[in-house]
PDB file of N, CA and C in Angstrom:
ATOM      1  N   MET A   1     168.075 115.453 -17.312  1.00  0.00           N
ATOM      2  CA  MET A   1     167.678 115.127 -18.807  1.00  0.00           C
ATOM      3  C   MET A   1     167.101 116.399 -19.536  1.00  0.00           C
ATOM      4  N   LYS A   2     167.493 116.586 -20.579  1.00  0.00           N
ATOM      5  CA  LYS A   2     167.225 117.964 -21.316  1.00  0.00           C
ATOM      6  C   LYS A   2     165.852 117.508 -22.112  1.00  0.00           C
ATOM      7  N   ASN A   3     165.046 118.192 -22.173  1.00  0.00           N
ATOM      8  CA  ASN A   3     163.804 117.967 -23.007  1.00  0.00           C
ATOM      9  C   ASN A   3     163.177 119.352 -23.653  1.00  0.00           C
ATOM     10  N   HIS A   4     162.372 118.985 -24.615  1.00  0.00           N
ATOM     11  CA  HIS A   4     161.490 120.092 -25.313  1.00  0.00           C
ATOM     12  C   HIS A   4     160.215 120.384 -24.670  1.00  0.00           C
ATOM     13  N   VAL A   5     159.915 120.107 -23.232  1.00  0.00           N
ATOM     14  CA  VAL A   5     158.629 120.114 -22.721  1.00  0.00           C
ATOM     15  C   VAL A   5     158.226 121.505 -22.811  1.00  0.00           C
ATOM     16  N   ARG A   6     159.206 122.838 -22.340  1.00  0.00           N
ATOM     17  CA  ARG A   6     158.617 124.234 -22.156  1.00  0.00           C
ATOM     18  C   ARG A   6     158.539 124.521 -23.648  1.00  0.00           C
ATOM     19  N   ASP A   7     159.104 124.202 -24.723  1.00  0.00           N
ATOM     20  CA  ASP A   7     159.122 124.724 -26.010  1.00  0.00           C
ATOM     21  C   ASP A   7     157.536 124.240 -26.608  1.00  0.00           C
ATOM     22  N   LEU A   8     157.324 123.021 -26.504  1.00  0.00           N
ATOM     23  CA  LEU A   8     155.841 122.420 -27.023  1.00  0.00           C
ATOM     24  C   LEU A   8     154.927 122.816 -26.295  1.00  0.00           C
ATOM     25  N   ARG A   9     154.894 122.952 -24.585  1.00  0.00           N
ATOM     26  CA  ARG A   9     153.934 123.644 -23.923  1.00  0.00           C
ATOM     27  C   ARG A   9     153.522 125.109 -24.579  1.00  0.00           C
ATOM     28  N   MET A  10     154.702 125.961 -24.980  1.00  0.00           N
ATOM     29  CA  MET A  10     154.554 127.161 -25.240  1.00  0.00           C
ATOM     30  C   MET A  10     153.647 127.201 -26.675  1.00  0.00           C
ATOM     31  N   GLN A  11     154.131 126.259 -27.678  1.00  0.00           N
ATOM     32  CA  GLN A  11     153.694 126.165 -29.051  1.00  0.00           C
ATOM     33  C   GLN A  11     152.141 125.837 -28.896  1.00  0.00           C
ATOM     34  N   TYR A  12     151.787 124.772 -27.814  1.00  0.00           N
ATOM     35  CA  TYR A  12     150.250 124.422 -27.934  1.00  0.00           C
ATOM     36  C   TYR A  12     149.476 125.462 -26.975  1.00  0.00           C
ATOM     37  N   GLY A  13     150.269 126.392 -26.606  1.00  0.00           N
ATOM     38  CA  GLY A  13     149.501 127.626 -25.767  1.00  0.00           C
ATOM     39  C   GLY A  13     148.938 127.023 -24.447  1.00  0.00           C
ATOM     40  N   LEU A  14     149.496 125.992 -23.934  1.00  0.00           N
ATOM     41  CA  LEU A  14     149.384 125.851 -22.585  1.00  0.00           C
ATOM     42  C   LEU A  14     150.230 126.283 -21.100  1.00  0.00           C
ATOM     43  N   SER A  15     149.528 126.516 -20.230  1.00  0.00           N
ATOM     44  CA  SER A  15     150.221 127.423 -18.840  1.00  0.00           C
ATOM     45  C   SER A  15     150.646 125.732 -18.341  1.00  0.00           C
ATOM     46  N   GLN A  16     151.693 126.161 -17.366  1.00  0.00           N
ATOM     47  CA  GLN A  16     152.061 125.189 -16.850  1.00  0.00           C
ATOM     48  C   GLN A  16     151.004 124.149 -15.827  1.00  0.00           C
ATOM     49  N   ASP A  17     150.002 125.295 -15.403  1.00  0.00           N
ATOM     50  CA  ASP A  17     148.732 124.797 -14.590  1.00  0.00           C
ATOM     51  C   ASP A  17     148.086 123.606 -15.639  1.00  0.00           C
ATOM     52  N   ALA A  18     147.771 124.194 -16.898  1.00  0.00           N
ATOM     53  CA  ALA A  18     146.761 123.266 -17.730  1.00  0.00           C
ATOM     54  C   ALA A  18     147.635 122.012 -18.092  1.00  0.00           C
ATOM     55  N   LEU A  19     148.950 122.077 -18.503  1.00  0.00           N
ATOM     56  CA  LEU A  19     149.534 120.984 -18.851  1.00  0.00           C
ATOM     57  C   LEU A  19     149.550 120.009 -17.644  1.00  0.00           C
ATOM     58  N   ALA A  20     149.927 120.235 -16.371  1.00  0.00           N
ATOM     59  CA  ALA A  20     149.924 119.559 -15.368  1.00  0.00           C
ATOM     60  C   ALA A  20     148.830 118.804 -14.942  1.00  0.00           C
ATOM     61  N   GLU A  21     147.611 119.547 -15.149  1.00  0.00           N
ATOM     62  CA  GLU A  21     146.284 118.877 -14.962  1.00  0.00           C
ATOM     63  C   GLU A  21     146.006 117.873 -16.267  1.00  0.00           C
ATOM     64  N   LYS A  22     146.422 118.177 -17.339  1.00  0.00           N
ATOM     65  CA  LYS A  22     146.326 117.009 -18.426  1.00  0.00           C
ATOM     66  C   LYS A  22     146.935 115.900 -18.249  1.00  0.00           C
ATOM     67  N   VAL A  23     148.125 115.993 -17.700  1.00  0.00           N
ATOM     68  CA  VAL A  23     148.921 114.729 -17.374  1.00  0.00           C
ATOM     69  C   VAL A  23     148.793 114.420 -15.958  1.00  0.00           C
ATOM     70  N   GLY A  24     148.286 114.843 -14.821  1.00  0.00           N
ATOM     71  CA  GLY A  24     147.624 114.449 -13.597  1.00  0.00           C
ATOM     72  C   GLY A  24     149.041 114.541 -12.398  1.00  0.00           C
ATOM     73  N   VAL A  25     149.691 115.737 -12.908  1.00  0.00           N
ATOM     74  CA  VAL A  25     150.910 115.817 -11.960  1.00  0.00           C
ATOM     75  C   VAL A  25     150.696 117.552 -11.367  1.00  0.00           C
ATOM     76  N   SER A  26     151.591 118.044 -10.499  1.00  0.00           N
ATOM     77  CA  SER A  26     151.368 119.013  -9.782  1.00  0.00           C
ATOM     78  C   SER A  26     152.110 120.215 -10.900  1.00  0.00           C
ATOM     79  N   ARG A  27     151.799 121.315 -10.547  1.00  0.00           N
ATOM     80  CA  ARG A  27     152.591 122.466 -11.664  1.00  0.00           C
ATOM     81  C   ARG A  27     153.983 122.615 -11.187  1.00  0.00           C
ATOM     82  N   GLN A  28     154.365 122.065 -10.156  1.00  0.00           N
ATOM     83  CA  GLN A  28     155.577 122.010  -9.610  1.00  0.00           C
ATOM     84  C   GLN A  28     156.562 121.087 -10.229  1.00  0.00           C
ATOM     85  N   THR A  29     156.023 119.953 -10.411  1.00  0.00           N
ATOM     86  CA  THR A  29     156.627 118.808 -11.197  1.00  0.00           C
ATOM     87  C   THR A  29     156.823 119.441 -12.809  1.00  0.00           C
ATOM     88  N   ILE A  30     155.945 120.012 -13.473  1.00  0.00           N
ATOM     89  CA  ILE A  30     156.264 120.639 -14.700  1.00  0.00           C
ATOM     90  C   ILE A  30     157.361 121.518 -14.336  1.00  0.00           C
ATOM     91  N   ILE A  31     157.386 122.446 -13.633  1.00  0.00           N
ATOM     92  CA  ILE A  31     158.545 123.481 -13.521  1.00  0.00           C
ATOM     93  C   ILE A  31     159.854 122.549 -13.462  1.00  0.00           C
ATOM     94  N   SER A  32     160.003 121.625 -12.549  1.00  0.00           N
ATOM     95  CA  SER A  32     161.032 120.825 -12.380  1.00  0.00           C
ATOM     96  C   SER A  32     161.631 120.068 -13.645  1.00  0.00           C
ATOM     97  N   LEU A  33     160.534 119.645 -14.303  1.00  0.00           N
ATOM     98  CA  LEU A  33     160.746 118.971 -15.563  1.00  0.00           C
ATOM     99  C   LEU A  33     161.320 119.950 -16.585  1.00  0.00           C
ATOM    100  N   GLU A  34     160.502 121.115 -17.020  1.00  0.00           N
ATOM    101  CA  GLU A  34     161.415 122.061 -17.783  1.00  0.00           C
ATOM    102  C   GLU A  34     162.579 122.759 -17.312  1.00  0.00           C
ATOM    103  N   LYS A  35     162.915 122.667 -16.447  1.00  0.00           N
ATOM    104  CA  LYS A  35     164.408 123.280 -15.799  1.00  0.00           C
ATOM    105  C   LYS A  35     165.226 121.771 -15.829  1.00  0.00           C
ATOM    106  N   GLY A  36     164.799 120.948 -16.275  1.00  0.00           N
ATOM    107  CA  GLY A  36     165.811 119.721 -16.397  1.00  0.00           C
ATOM    108  C   GLY A  36     166.507 118.893 -15.043  1.00  0.00           C
ATOM    109  N   LYS A  37     165.603 119.284 -13.922  1.00  0.00           N
ATOM    110  CA  LYS A  37     165.987 118.883 -12.478  1.00  0.00           C
ATOM    111  C   LYS A  37     164.952 117.789 -12.233  1.00  0.00           C
ATOM    112  N   TYR A  38     164.031 117.209 -13.154  1.00  0.00           N
ATOM    113  CA  TYR A  38     163.437 116.078 -12.615  1.00  0.00           C
ATOM    114  C   TYR A  38     163.060 115.173 -14.024  1.00  0.00           C
ATOM    115  N   ASN A  39     163.423 113.698 -13.749  1.00  0.00           N
ATOM    116  CA  ASN A  39     163.256 112.711 -15.093  1.00  0.00           C
ATOM    117  C   ASN A  39     162.068 112.297 -14.837  1.00  0.00           C
ATOM    118  N   PRO A  40     161.266 112.222 -15.775  1.00  0.00           N
ATOM    119  CA  PRO A  40     160.086 111.626 -15.430  1.00  0.00           C
ATOM    120  C   PRO A  40     160.000 110.332 -15.551  1.00  0.00           C
ATOM    121  N   SER A  41     158.886 109.673 -14.727  1.00  0.00           N
ATOM    122  CA  SER A  41     158.554 108.139 -14.977  1.00  0.00           C
ATOM    123  C   SER A  41     158.237 107.985 -16.322  1.00  0.00           C
ATOM    124  N   ILE A  42     158.180 106.634 -16.753  1.00  0.00           N
ATOM    125  CA  ILE A  42     157.789 106.121 -18.062  1.00  0.00           C
ATOM    126  C   ILE A  42     156.521 106.496 -18.248  1.00  0.00           C
ATOM    127  N   MET A  43     155.686 106.513 -17.239  1.00  0.00           N
ATOM    128  CA  MET A  43     154.152 106.645 -17.535  1.00  0.00           C
ATOM    129  C   MET A  43     154.209 108.293 -17.910  1.00  0.00           C
ATOM    130  N   LEU A  44     154.720 109.067 -17.055  1.00  0.00           N
ATOM    131  CA  LEU A  44     154.616 110.569 -17.305  1.00  0.00           C
ATOM    132  C   LEU A  44     155.039 110.838 -18.786  1.00  0.00           C
ATOM    133  N   ALA A  45     156.182 110.112 -19.043  1.00  0.00           N
ATOM    134  CA  ALA A  45     156.721 110.731 -20.432  1.00  0.00           C
ATOM    135  C   ALA A  45     155.903 110.333 -21.550  1.00  0.00           C
ATOM    136  N   PHE A  46     155.154 108.918 -21.435  1.00  0.00           N
ATOM    137  CA  PHE A  46     154.112 108.586 -22.325  1.00  0.00           C
ATOM    138  C   PHE A  46     152.807 109.749 -22.264  1.00  0.00           C
ATOM    139  N   LYS A  47     152.491 109.962 -21.402  1.00  0.00           N
ATOM    140  CA  LYS A  47     151.359 111.000 -21.170  1.00  0.00           C
ATOM    141  C   LYS A  47     151.587 112.405 -21.997  1.00  0.00           C
ATOM    142  N   LEU A  48     152.825 112.913 -21.558  1.00  0.00           N
ATOM    143  CA  LEU A  48     153.441 113.967 -22.150  1.00  0.00           C
ATOM    144  C   LEU A  48     153.584 114.104 -23.565  1.00  0.00           C
ATOM    145  N   ALA A  49     154.037 112.833 -24.022  1.00  0.00           N
ATOM    146  CA  ALA A  49     154.110 112.414 -25.536  1.00  0.00           C
ATOM    147  C   ALA A  49     152.887 112.556 -26.312  1.00  0.00           C
ATOM    148  N   ARG A  50     151.795 112.139 -25.606  1.00  0.00           N
ATOM    149  CA  ARG A  50     150.374 111.973 -26.160  1.00  0.00           C
ATOM    150  C   ARG A  50     149.864 113.112 -26.068  1.00  0.00           C
ATOM    151  N   VAL A  51     149.819 114.440 -25.092  1.00  0.00           N
ATOM    152  CA  VAL A  51     149.577 115.367 -25.153  1.00  0.00           C
ATOM    153  C   VAL A  51     150.007 116.384 -26.610  1.00  0.00           C
ATOM    154  N   PHE A  52     151.163 116.002 -26.737  1.00  0.00           N
ATOM    155  CA  PHE A  52     152.182 116.964 -27.727  1.00  0.00           C
ATOM    156  C   PHE A  52     152.194 116.034 -28.970  1.00  0.00           C
ATOM    157  N   ARG A  53     151.310 114.879 -28.879  1.00  0.00           N
ATOM    158  CA  ARG A  53     151.379 114.262 -30.174  1.00  0.00           C
ATOM    159  C   ARG A  53     152.687 114.144 -31.078  1.00  0.00           C
ATOM    160  N   CYS A  54     153.362 113.214 -30.131  1.00  0.00           N
ATOM    161  CA  CYS A  54     154.986 113.074 -30.640  1.00  0.00           C
ATOM    162  C   CYS A  54     155.379 111.722 -30.030  1.00  0.00           C
ATOM    163  N   GLN A  55     156.676 111.399 -30.013  1.00  0.00           N
ATOM    164  CA  GLN A  55     157.439 110.088 -29.578  1.00  0.00           C
ATOM    165  C   GLN A  55     158.095 110.789 -28.627  1.00  0.00           C
ATOM    166  N   ILE A  56     158.145 109.772 -27.689  1.00  0.00           N
ATOM    167  CA  ILE A  56     159.014 110.062 -26.437  1.00  0.00           C
ATOM    168  C   ILE A  56     160.358 110.694 -26.881  1.00  0.00           C
ATOM    169  N   GLU A  57     161.033 110.045 -27.637  1.00  0.00           N
ATOM    170  CA  GLU A  57     162.372 110.386 -28.191  1.00  0.00           C
ATOM    171  C   GLU A  57     162.261 111.851 -28.789  1.00  0.00           C
ATOM    172  N   ASP A  58     161.304 112.327 -29.392  1.00  0.00           N
ATOM    173  CA  ASP A  58     161.204 113.728 -29.735  1.00  0.00           C
ATOM    174  C   ASP A  58     160.993 114.718 -28.702  1.00  0.00           C
ATOM    175  N   LEU A  59     160.618 114.211 -27.578  1.00  0.00           N
ATOM    176  CA  LEU A  59     160.441 114.886 -26.364  1.00  0.00           C
ATOM    177  C   LEU A  59     161.538 115.228 -25.470  1.00  0.00           C
ATOM    178  N   PHE A  60     162.271 114.150 -25.163  1.00  0.00           N
ATOM    179  CA  PHE A  60     163.376 113.892 -24.264  1.00  0.00           C
ATOM    180  C   PHE A  60     164.693 113.554 -24.980  1.00  0.00           C
ATOM    181  N   ILE A  61     165.683 114.265 -24.533  1.00  0.00           N
ATOM    182  CA  ILE A  61     166.828 114.147 -25.169  1.00  0.00           C
ATOM    183  C   ILE A  61     168.087 113.241 -24.081  1.00  0.00           C
ATOM    184  N   TYR A  62     168.358 112.367 -24.341  1.00  0.00           N
ATOM    185  CA  TYR A  62     169.022 111.097 -23.804  1.00  0.00           C
ATOM    186  C   TYR A  62     170.472 111.420 -24.036  1.00  0.00           C
ATOM    187  N   GLU A  63     171.070 111.712 -22.488  1.00  0.00           N
ATOM    188  CA  GLU A  63     172.491 111.890 -22.675  1.00  0.00           C
ATOM    189  C   GLU A  63     173.383 110.802 -21.866  1.00  0.00           C
ATOM    190  N   GLU A  64     173.811 110.048 -22.467  1.00  0.00           N
ATOM    191  CA  GLU A  64     174.747 109.087 -21.468  1.00  0.00           C
ATOM    192  C   GLU A  64     175.736 109.564 -20.561  1.00  0.00           C
ATOM    193  N   GLU A  65     175.906 108.734 -19.478  1.00  0.00           N
ATOM    194  CA  GLU A  65     176.850 109.473 -18.263  1.00  0.00           C
ATOM    195  C   GLU A  65     178.003 108.851 -18.622  1.00  0.00           C
ATOM    196  N   ASN A  66     179.209 109.526 -18.559  1.00  0.00           N
ATOM    197  CA  ASN A  66     180.423 109.336 -18.666  1.00  0.00           C
ATOM    198  C   ASN A  66     180.807 108.623 -17.238  1.00  0.00           C
ATOM    199  N   THR A  67     181.246 107.355 -17.510  1.00  0.00           N
ATOM    200  CA  THR A  67     181.799 106.533 -16.400  1.00  0.00           C
ATOM    201  C   THR A  67     182.888 106.366 -16.310  1.00  0.00           C
TER     202      THR A  67
END
C-alpha cells in the first residue's frame, strides 16, 4: 500500500526511531511501512494519523486489487 509516511515524517522533522517510539513499533516497522512492504493494523494507522494530525485517508493510498 502506498503512503505518505516518509514525506510527513520528514516534514515533521522526525527520525524513523522517533516516529517508531511515538507509535510504539520498531524502527524496522517504520522502514517497511515507508517502502510500502507492510500494511499497518488499523490501530497503527490511527496512531500515525494522530501524530501527523491528519485523516487516515490522507496518509494511506488505497489501491484496489484487480481480480
